[in-house]
Amino acid sequence: MKHFGQSSAICDSGKFLII
């Protein structure tokens, strides 16, 4: 799991989740 910037964007197993 990787966090991008200060947003709640998480890239998990090639999946992008914007919370």
N, C-alpha and C. Protein backbone atom coordinates (compact mmCIF):
# COMPACT_ATOMS: atom_id res chain seq x y z
N MET A 1 0.84 -1.19 0.00
CA MET A 1 0.00 0.00 0.00
C MET A 1 0.88 1.25 0.00
N LYS A 2 0.53 2.19 -0.87
CA LYS A 2 1.34 3.42 -0.96
C LYS A 2 0.44 4.64 -0.87
N HIS A 3 0.93 5.63 -0.15
CA HIS A 3 0.16 6.86 -0.03
C HIS A 3 0.75 7.93 -0.95
N PHE A 4 -0.12 8.63 -1.64
CA PHE A 4 0.33 9.67 -2.56
C PHE A 4 -0.05 11.04 -2.04
N GLY A 5 0.95 11.90 -1.86
CA GLY A 5 0.67 13.26 -1.41
C GLY A 5 -0.05 13.27 -0.07
N GLN A 6 -0.77 14.36 0.20
CA GLN A 6 -1.51 14.46 1.45
C GLN A 6 -2.95 14.03 1.26
N SER A 7 -3.31 13.70 0.02
CA SER A 7 -4.69 13.27 -0.25
C SER A 7 -4.88 11.85 0.26
N SER A 8 -6.11 11.38 0.23
CA SER A 8 -6.39 10.03 0.70
C SER A 8 -6.38 9.06 -0.48
N ALA A 9 -5.37 9.21 -1.32
CA ALA A 9 -5.29 8.34 -2.49
C ALA A 9 -4.40 7.14 -2.15
N ILE A 10 -4.97 5.96 -2.26
CA ILE A 10 -4.21 4.76 -1.93
C ILE A 10 -4.17 3.82 -3.13
N CYS A 11 -2.97 3.38 -3.48
CA CYS A 11 -2.83 2.44 -4.60
C CYS A 11 -2.52 1.06 -4.03
N ASP A 12 -3.48 0.17 -4.15
CA ASP A 12 -3.31 -1.16 -3.58
C ASP A 12 -3.49 -2.23 -4.65
N SER A 13 -2.45 -2.98 -4.91
CA SER A 13 -2.51 -4.06 -5.90
C SER A 13 -3.05 -3.57 -7.25
N GLY A 14 -2.56 -2.42 -7.68
CA GLY A 14 -2.99 -1.90 -8.98
C GLY A 14 -4.37 -1.27 -8.93
N LYS A 15 -4.90 -1.12 -7.72
CA LYS A 15 -6.24 -0.53 -7.58
C LYS A 15 -6.12 0.86 -6.98
N PHE A 16 -6.86 1.80 -7.52
CA PHE A 16 -6.81 3.16 -7.01
C PHE A 16 -8.06 3.48 -6.21
N LEU A 17 -7.85 3.86 -4.96
CA LEU A 17 -8.98 4.18 -4.09
C LEU A 17 -8.87 5.61 -3.59
N ILE A 18 -9.82 6.44 -3.97
CA ILE A 18 -9.83 7.83 -3.52
C ILE A 18 -10.90 8.00 -2.45
N ILE A 19 -10.46 8.18 -1.22
CA ILE A 19 -11.43 8.32 -0.13
C ILE A 19 -11.40 9.76 0.39
